[in-house]
Amino acid sequence: MLIVIAILALAGVTYFIASGSSGSSGASSTTTTTRQASSTTKATSSIGSGSSQTTAARTSITTASASGMTTYSVTFNYSQPLGPFGERVLPNDTVQTYSSVQVASGTFTFFISATNRSGSGSGHGTLTVTTTGFCSGTTTVPYTFQIPDATTLLGNLTVFMGTPTPGNFSVPLTCTGPMQGVSTTTNDPAPFLSTYPNELTIATVPYVINQHQTGNIDYYFDIVQTS
């Protein structure tokens, strides 16, 4: 599932991380703050369970600099409950499970050309997957990724994050108790995306988004213009 956040998805978040392109259904809440470089004015937008959006102020995106390029820098982090999981039913009908949480953080930069209003970039991050339950384990994976396309259209800046290298992870699990009849993905590699969400649409810069979604998915982006 790609998530497009429009003012503004990582699945990360799939099996976002853990299985291609992920998403979550249900309501989500978003708080965004637009910071003005030359004043203390702040604009706050709120996106609730509906599609209504309130904006107190708006600043056009700058797409030109002395060099003909505008460069942006982004920091991000996210957390979502994806990764190896499984369950087993004991003779007394007790159901036991194990599950995982993925936590990632990183940075990326990209540029926009004043000539054609498009550009690209690159970034890197670190993903930690922790599994707990009757099977448990953890792994940490550093990775790099490309920004294959960044463009401005109708005053909005849209950024696409590419597939990371490496493109998958595996968690070495230690399991306790009987394993007969276990539904499991023990030690199986799982694909993940570079960020959650893996596409952003931005109406203002500087731009901060901090969102908690149904399903215990959290993500944060801080986007600034650097040149």
C-alpha atoms as a PDB file:
ATOM      1  CA  MET A   1       0.000   0.000   0.000  1.00  0.00           C
ATOM      2  CA  LEU A   2       1.357   3.244  -0.943  1.00  0.00           C
ATOM      3  CA  ILE A   3       0.233   6.035   1.204  1.00  0.00           C
ATOM      4  CA  VAL A   4       0.085   9.506  -0.199  1.00  0.00           C
ATOM      5  CA  ILE A   5      -0.155  12.138   2.413  1.00  0.00           C
ATOM      6  CA  ALA A   6      -1.354  15.271   0.964  1.00  0.00           C
ATOM      7  CA  ILE A   7      -0.958  18.491   2.236  1.00  0.00           C
ATOM      8  CA  LEU A   8       0.721  15.426   2.625  1.00  0.00           C
ATOM      9  CA  ALA A   9       3.265   6.076   3.066  1.00  0.00           C
ATOM     10  CA  LEU A  10       7.149   4.250   5.630  1.00  0.00           C
ATOM     11  CA  ALA A  11       4.523  -0.477   4.615  1.00  0.00           C
ATOM     12  CA  GLY A  12       6.291   0.145   4.964  1.00  0.00           C
ATOM     13  CA  VAL A  13       5.088  -0.125   5.025  1.00  0.00           C
ATOM     14  CA  THR A  14       3.638  -4.053   1.147  1.00  0.00           C
ATOM     15  CA  TYR A  15       4.998  -6.095   3.759  1.00  0.00           C
ATOM     16  CA  PHE A  16       6.536  -2.712   4.415  1.00  0.00           C
ATOM     17  CA  ILE A  17       8.429  -3.460   5.380  1.00  0.00           C
ATOM     18  CA  ALA A  18       7.642  -6.853   5.814  1.00  0.00           C
ATOM     19  CA  SER A  19       5.810  -7.726   2.712  1.00  0.00           C
ATOM     20  CA  GLY A  20       6.007  -5.297  -0.129  1.00  0.00           C
ATOM     21  CA  SER A  21       3.763  -2.295  -0.006  1.00  0.00           C
ATOM     22  CA  SER A  22       1.799  -2.000   3.167  1.00  0.00           C
ATOM     23  CA  GLY A  23      -0.853   0.168   4.579  1.00  0.00           C
ATOM     24  CA  SER A  24      -3.420   0.311   7.268  1.00  0.00           C
ATOM     25  CA  SER A  25      -7.116   0.828   7.231  1.00  0.00           C
ATOM     26  CA  GLY A  26      -9.063   2.935   9.636  1.00  0.00           C
ATOM     27  CA  ALA A  27      -8.770   6.426  10.969  1.00  0.00           C
ATOM     28  CA  SER A  28      -5.511   8.240  11.425  1.00  0.00           C
ATOM     29  CA  SER A  29      -4.514  11.538  12.903  1.00  0.00           C
ATOM     30  CA  THR A  30      -1.905  13.883  11.496  1.00  0.00           C
ATOM     31  CA  THR A  31      -0.337  17.041  12.789  1.00  0.00           C
ATOM     32  CA  THR A  32       1.788  19.112  10.444  1.00  0.00           C
ATOM     33  CA  THR A  33       3.695  22.265  11.220  1.00  0.00           C
ATOM     34  CA  THR A  34       4.984  24.703   8.619  1.00  0.00           C
ATOM     35  CA  ARG A  35       7.929  26.750   9.817  1.00  0.00           C
ATOM     36  CA  GLN A  36       8.699  30.123   8.259  1.00  0.00           C
ATOM     37  CA  ALA A  37      12.382  30.926   7.802  1.00  0.00           C
ATOM     38  CA  SER A  38      11.960  34.702   8.225  1.00  0.00           C
ATOM     39  CA  SER A  39       9.129  34.975  10.732  1.00  0.00           C
ATOM     40  CA  THR A  40       7.582  33.287  13.739  1.00  0.00           C
ATOM     41  CA  THR A  41       4.315  32.588  11.934  1.00  0.00           C
ATOM     42  CA  LYS A  42       3.260  28.930  12.057  1.00  0.00           C
ATOM     43  CA  ALA A  43       0.558  27.132  10.140  1.00  0.00           C
ATOM     44  CA  THR A  44      -1.013  23.993  11.545  1.00  0.00           C
ATOM     45  CA  SER A  45      -3.127  21.528   9.586  1.00  0.00           C
ATOM     46  CA  SER A  46      -5.128  18.670  11.001  1.00  0.00           C
ATOM     47  CA  ILE A  47      -6.311  15.600   9.122  1.00  0.00           C
ATOM     48  CA  GLY A  48      -8.831  13.505  11.003  1.00  0.00           C
ATOM     49  CA  SER A  49     -10.881  10.464  10.167  1.00  0.00           C
ATOM     50  CA  GLY A  50     -12.591  12.331   7.338  1.00  0.00           C
ATOM     51  CA  SER A  51     -11.157  14.079   4.336  1.00  0.00           C
ATOM     52  CA  SER A  52     -11.564  17.664   5.560  1.00  0.00           C
ATOM     53  CA  GLN A  53      -8.449  19.746   6.019  1.00  0.00           C
ATOM     54  CA  THR A  54      -7.939  23.129   7.640  1.00  0.00           C
ATOM     55  CA  THR A  55      -4.943  25.303   6.819  1.00  0.00           C
ATOM     56  CA  ALA A  56      -4.216  28.542   8.621  1.00  0.00           C
ATOM     57  CA  ALA A  57      -1.508  29.701   6.219  1.00  0.00           C
ATOM     58  CA  ARG A  58       0.267  28.456   3.125  1.00  0.00           C
ATOM     59  CA  THR A  59       3.683  29.105   1.651  1.00  0.00           C
ATOM     60  CA  SER A  60       4.558  28.350  -1.961  1.00  0.00           C
ATOM     61  CA  ILE A  61       7.411  25.922  -2.537  1.00  0.00           C
ATOM     62  CA  THR A  62      10.599  27.526  -3.791  1.00  0.00           C
ATOM     63  CA  THR A  63      12.039  25.797  -6.851  1.00  0.00           C
ATOM     64  CA  ALA A  64      14.876  28.078  -7.878  1.00  0.00           C
ATOM     65  CA  SER A  65      18.228  29.087  -6.432  1.00  0.00           C
ATOM     66  CA  ALA A  66      21.311  30.864  -7.671  1.00  0.00           C
ATOM     67  CA  SER A  67      22.590  27.610  -9.186  1.00  0.00           C
ATOM     68  CA  GLY A  68      19.256  26.730 -10.798  1.00  0.00           C
ATOM     69  CA  MET A  69      18.792  23.879  -8.316  1.00  0.00           C
ATOM     70  CA  THR A  70      16.923  23.717  -5.058  1.00  0.00           C
ATOM     71  CA  THR A  71      18.180  21.141  -2.578  1.00  0.00           C
ATOM     72  CA  TYR A  72      16.128  19.608   0.235  1.00  0.00           C
ATOM     73  CA  SER A  73      17.182  17.591   3.266  1.00  0.00           C
ATOM     74  CA  VAL A  74      14.900  15.160   5.091  1.00  0.00           C
ATOM     75  CA  THR A  75      15.121  13.203   8.337  1.00  0.00           C
ATOM     76  CA  PHE A  76      12.613  10.467   9.071  1.00  0.00           C
ATOM     77  CA  ASN A  77      11.706   7.674  11.431  1.00  0.00           C
ATOM     78  CA  TYR A  78       8.905   5.173  11.646  1.00  0.00           C
ATOM     79  CA  SER A  79       7.653   2.223  13.666  1.00  0.00           C
ATOM     80  CA  GLN A  80       5.221  -0.475  12.601  1.00  0.00           C
ATOM     81  CA  PRO A  81       4.227  -3.962  13.751  1.00  0.00           C
ATOM     82  CA  LEU A  82       5.476  -6.005  10.804  1.00  0.00           C
ATOM     83  CA  GLY A  83       7.997  -8.792  10.406  1.00  0.00           C
ATOM     84  CA  PRO A  84       8.142 -12.496  11.313  1.00  0.00           C
ATOM     85  CA  PHE A  85       5.014 -13.730  13.078  1.00  0.00           C
ATOM     86  CA  GLY A  86       3.369 -17.043  13.915  1.00  0.00           C
ATOM     87  CA  GLU A  87       1.070 -18.914  16.265  1.00  0.00           C
ATOM     88  CA  ARG A  88       0.504 -22.365  17.716  1.00  0.00           C
ATOM     89  CA  VAL A  89      -2.372 -24.060  19.506  1.00  0.00           C
ATOM     90  CA  LEU A  90      -1.487 -26.199  22.517  1.00  0.00           C
ATOM     91  CA  PRO A  91      -3.408 -29.384  23.483  1.00  0.00           C
ATOM     92  CA  ASN A  92      -5.409 -27.389  26.061  1.00  0.00           C
ATOM     93  CA  ASP A  93      -6.552 -25.048  23.258  1.00  0.00           C
ATOM     94  CA  THR A  94      -4.271 -22.260  24.439  1.00  0.00           C
ATOM     95  CA  VAL A  95      -3.111 -20.081  21.519  1.00  0.00           C
ATOM     96  CA  GLN A  96       0.411 -18.697  21.684  1.00  0.00           C
ATOM     97  CA  THR A  97       1.839 -16.160  19.254  1.00  0.00           C
ATOM     98  CA  TYR A  98       4.988 -14.308  18.374  1.00  0.00           C
ATOM     99  CA  SER A  99       5.161 -11.053  16.417  1.00  0.00           C
ATOM    100  CA  SER A 100       7.559  -8.325  15.368  1.00  0.00           C
ATOM    101  CA  VAL A 101       7.980  -4.567  15.407  1.00  0.00           C
ATOM    102  CA  GLN A 102      10.090  -2.687  12.882  1.00  0.00           C
ATOM    103  CA  VAL A 103      11.730   0.598  13.814  1.00  0.00           C
ATOM    104  CA  ALA A 104      13.678   2.625  11.258  1.00  0.00           C
ATOM    105  CA  SER A 105      15.325   6.011  10.962  1.00  0.00           C
ATOM    106  CA  GLY A 106      17.428   7.779   8.396  1.00  0.00           C
ATOM    107  CA  THR A 107      17.988  10.768   6.161  1.00  0.00           C
ATOM    108  CA  PHE A 108      17.800  11.610   2.480  1.00  0.00           C
ATOM    109  CA  THR A 109      18.459  14.570   0.212  1.00  0.00           C
ATOM    110  CA  PHE A 110      17.072  15.487  -3.174  1.00  0.00           C
ATOM    111  CA  PHE A 111      17.139  18.385  -5.599  1.00  0.00           C
ATOM    112  CA  ILE A 112      14.664  20.068  -7.919  1.00  0.00           C
ATOM    113  CA  SER A 113      15.763  21.708 -11.162  1.00  0.00           C
ATOM    114  CA  ALA A 114      14.307  25.134 -11.900  1.00  0.00           C
ATOM    115  CA  THR A 115      14.404  24.235 -15.603  1.00  0.00           C
ATOM    116  CA  ASN A 116      12.147  21.186 -15.680  1.00  0.00           C
ATOM    117  CA  ARG A 117      10.824  21.227 -12.088  1.00  0.00           C
ATOM    118  CA  SER A 118      12.003  17.667 -11.443  1.00  0.00           C
ATOM    119  CA  GLY A 119      14.943  15.960  -9.809  1.00  0.00           C
ATOM    120  CA  SER A 120      16.202  12.997  -7.817  1.00  0.00           C
ATOM    121  CA  GLY A 121      18.257  12.115  -4.757  1.00  0.00           C
ATOM    122  CA  SER A 122      19.464   9.416  -2.394  1.00  0.00           C
ATOM    123  CA  GLY A 123      19.377   8.438   1.243  1.00  0.00           C
ATOM    124  CA  HIS A 124      20.224   5.868   3.872  1.00  0.00           C
ATOM    125  CA  GLY A 125      18.653   4.408   6.991  1.00  0.00           C
ATOM    126  CA  THR A 126      18.841   1.735   9.647  1.00  0.00           C
ATOM    127  CA  LEU A 127      16.061  -0.789  10.238  1.00  0.00           C
ATOM    128  CA  THR A 128      15.768  -2.808  13.455  1.00  0.00           C
ATOM    129  CA  VAL A 129      13.281  -5.696  13.590  1.00  0.00           C
ATOM    130  CA  THR A 130      12.508  -7.152  17.020  1.00  0.00           C
ATOM    131  CA  THR A 131      10.449 -10.327  17.463  1.00  0.00           C
ATOM    132  CA  THR A 132       8.981 -11.410  20.803  1.00  0.00           C
ATOM    133  CA  GLY A 133       6.819 -14.316  21.952  1.00  0.00           C
ATOM    134  CA  PHE A 134       7.503 -18.051  21.997  1.00  0.00           C
ATOM    135  CA  CYS A 135       9.889 -17.255  19.144  1.00  0.00           C
ATOM    136  CA  SER A 136      12.147 -14.243  19.636  1.00  0.00           C
ATOM    137  CA  GLY A 137      15.066 -12.493  18.035  1.00  0.00           C
ATOM    138  CA  THR A 138      16.296  -9.218  16.603  1.00  0.00           C
ATOM    139  CA  THR A 139      18.253  -7.938  13.641  1.00  0.00           C
ATOM    140  CA  THR A 140      19.534  -4.532  12.501  1.00  0.00           C
ATOM    141  CA  VAL A 141      19.971  -3.735   8.817  1.00  0.00           C
ATOM    142  CA  PRO A 142      21.658  -0.590   7.447  1.00  0.00           C
ATOM    143  CA  TYR A 143      20.501   0.240   3.935  1.00  0.00           C
ATOM    144  CA  THR A 144      20.642   2.807   1.165  1.00  0.00           C
ATOM    145  CA  PHE A 145      17.938   3.909  -1.247  1.00  0.00           C
ATOM    146  CA  GLN A 146      17.389   6.219  -4.186  1.00  0.00           C
ATOM    147  CA  ILE A 147      14.906   9.016  -4.768  1.00  0.00           C
ATOM    148  CA  PRO A 148      14.101   8.121  -8.390  1.00  0.00           C
ATOM    149  CA  ASP A 149      11.813  11.089  -8.908  1.00  0.00           C
ATOM    150  CA  ALA A 150      10.946  14.363  -7.251  1.00  0.00           C
ATOM    151  CA  THR A 151       8.767  16.891  -9.014  1.00  0.00           C
ATOM    152  CA  THR A 152       6.713  20.023  -8.502  1.00  0.00           C
ATOM    153  CA  LEU A 153       3.212  20.291  -9.903  1.00  0.00           C
ATOM    154  CA  LEU A 154       0.500  22.845  -9.158  1.00  0.00           C
ATOM    155  CA  GLY A 155       2.498  24.210  -6.248  1.00  0.00           C
ATOM    156  CA  ASN A 156       3.024  20.821  -4.608  1.00  0.00           C
ATOM    157  CA  LEU A 157       6.253  18.893  -4.251  1.00  0.00           C
ATOM    158  CA  THR A 158       5.986  15.092  -4.673  1.00  0.00           C
ATOM    159  CA  VAL A 159       8.839  12.792  -3.648  1.00  0.00           C
ATOM    160  CA  PHE A 160       9.102   9.053  -4.367  1.00  0.00           C
ATOM    161  CA  MET A 161      11.391   6.782  -2.322  1.00  0.00           C
ATOM    162  CA  GLY A 162      12.854   3.777  -4.123  1.00  0.00           C
ATOM    163  CA  THR A 163      13.529   0.160  -3.204  1.00  0.00           C
ATOM    164  CA  PRO A 164      16.408  -0.160  -0.720  1.00  0.00           C
ATOM    165  CA  THR A 165      19.659  -2.067  -0.942  1.00  0.00           C
ATOM    166  CA  PRO A 166      19.604  -4.695   0.467  1.00  0.00           C
ATOM    167  CA  GLY A 167      15.961  -5.304  -0.365  1.00  0.00           C
ATOM    168  CA  ASN A 168      15.144  -7.782   2.406  1.00  0.00           C
ATOM    169  CA  PHE A 169      15.978  -8.868   5.927  1.00  0.00           C
ATOM    170  CA  SER A 170      15.703 -11.996   8.049  1.00  0.00           C
ATOM    171  CA  VAL A 171      15.418 -12.362  11.802  1.00  0.00           C
ATOM    172  CA  PRO A 172      17.283 -15.279  13.426  1.00  0.00           C
ATOM    173  CA  LEU A 173      14.687 -16.641  15.832  1.00  0.00           C
ATOM    174  CA  THR A 174      15.010 -18.809  18.906  1.00  0.00           C
ATOM    175  CA  CYS A 175      11.790 -20.713  19.692  1.00  0.00           C
ATOM    176  CA  THR A 176      10.757 -22.474  22.901  1.00  0.00           C
ATOM    177  CA  GLY A 177       8.235 -25.237  23.505  1.00  0.00           C
ATOM    178  CA  PRO A 178       6.603 -27.600  20.978  1.00  0.00           C
ATOM    179  CA  MET A 179       6.775 -26.523  17.341  1.00  0.00           C
ATOM    180  CA  GLN A 180       4.307 -29.022  15.880  1.00  0.00           C
ATOM    181  CA  GLY A 181       1.534 -27.375  13.929  1.00  0.00           C
ATOM    182  CA  VAL A 182       3.101 -23.945  14.139  1.00  0.00           C
ATOM    183  CA  SER A 183       2.020 -21.375  11.551  1.00  0.00           C
ATOM    184  CA  THR A 184       5.283 -19.526  11.129  1.00  0.00           C
ATOM    185  CA  THR A 185       7.577 -17.469   8.957  1.00  0.00           C
ATOM    186  CA  THR A 186      10.540 -18.325  11.164  1.00  0.00           C
ATOM    187  CA  ASN A 187      13.789 -16.990   9.691  1.00  0.00           C
ATOM    188  CA  ASP A 188      12.176 -16.364   6.298  1.00  0.00           C
ATOM    189  CA  PRO A 189      13.533 -13.282   4.523  1.00  0.00           C
ATOM    190  CA  ALA A 190      11.003 -10.482   4.210  1.00  0.00           C
ATOM    191  CA  PRO A 191      11.133  -7.471   1.889  1.00  0.00           C
ATOM    192  CA  PHE A 192      10.938  -3.944   3.211  1.00  0.00           C
ATOM    193  CA  LEU A 193      10.610  -0.444   1.809  1.00  0.00           C
ATOM    194  CA  SER A 194      13.011   2.384   2.463  1.00  0.00           C
ATOM    195  CA  THR A 195      10.537   4.592   4.295  1.00  0.00           C
ATOM    196  CA  TYR A 196       6.960   4.649   5.427  1.00  0.00           C
ATOM    197  CA  PRO A 197       5.165   5.976   3.548  1.00  0.00           C
ATOM    198  CA  ASN A 198       7.266   5.681   0.388  1.00  0.00           C
ATOM    199  CA  GLU A 199       5.677   8.720  -1.277  1.00  0.00           C
ATOM    200  CA  LEU A 200       5.161  12.241   0.036  1.00  0.00           C
ATOM    201  CA  THR A 201       3.206  15.173  -1.357  1.00  0.00           C
ATOM    202  CA  ILE A 202       4.163  18.440   0.267  1.00  0.00           C
ATOM    203  CA  ALA A 203       2.522  21.842  -0.061  1.00  0.00           C
ATOM    204  CA  THR A 204       4.918  23.865   2.075  1.00  0.00           C
ATOM    205  CA  VAL A 205       8.593  23.853   3.036  1.00  0.00           C
ATOM    206  CA  PRO A 206       9.852  23.705   5.775  1.00  0.00           C
ATOM    207  CA  TYR A 207       7.488  20.875   6.586  1.00  0.00           C
ATOM    208  CA  VAL A 208       7.059  18.541   9.563  1.00  0.00           C
ATOM    209  CA  ILE A 209       4.647  15.647   9.794  1.00  0.00           C
ATOM    210  CA  ASN A 210       4.176  13.395  12.794  1.00  0.00           C
ATOM    211  CA  GLN A 211       1.443  10.803  12.320  1.00  0.00           C
ATOM    212  CA  HIS A 212       0.038   7.922  14.331  1.00  0.00           C
ATOM    213  CA  GLN A 213      -2.136   5.529  12.343  1.00  0.00           C
ATOM    214  CA  THR A 214      -4.510   2.758  13.319  1.00  0.00           C
ATOM    215  CA  GLY A 215      -2.528  -0.445  13.780  1.00  0.00           C
ATOM    216  CA  ASN A 216       0.234   1.197  15.843  1.00  0.00           C
ATOM    217  CA  ILE A 217       2.028   2.680  12.851  1.00  0.00           C
ATOM    218  CA  ASP A 218       3.946   5.873  13.603  1.00  0.00           C
ATOM    219  CA  TYR A 219       6.054   7.981  11.298  1.00  0.00           C
ATOM    220  CA  TYR A 220       7.803  11.332  11.291  1.00  0.00           C
ATOM    221  CA  PHE A 221       9.323  13.490   8.555  1.00  0.00           C
ATOM    222  CA  ASP A 222      11.175  16.796   8.814  1.00  0.00           C
ATOM    223  CA  ILE A 223      11.821  18.442   5.433  1.00  0.00           C
ATOM    224  CA  VAL A 224      13.895  21.592   4.986  1.00  0.00           C
ATOM    225  CA  GLN A 225      15.319  23.491   2.036  1.00  0.00           C
ATOM    226  CA  THR A 226      19.118  23.681   2.230  1.00  0.00           C
ATOM    227  CA  SER A 227      19.967  25.691  -0.895  1.00  0.00           C
END
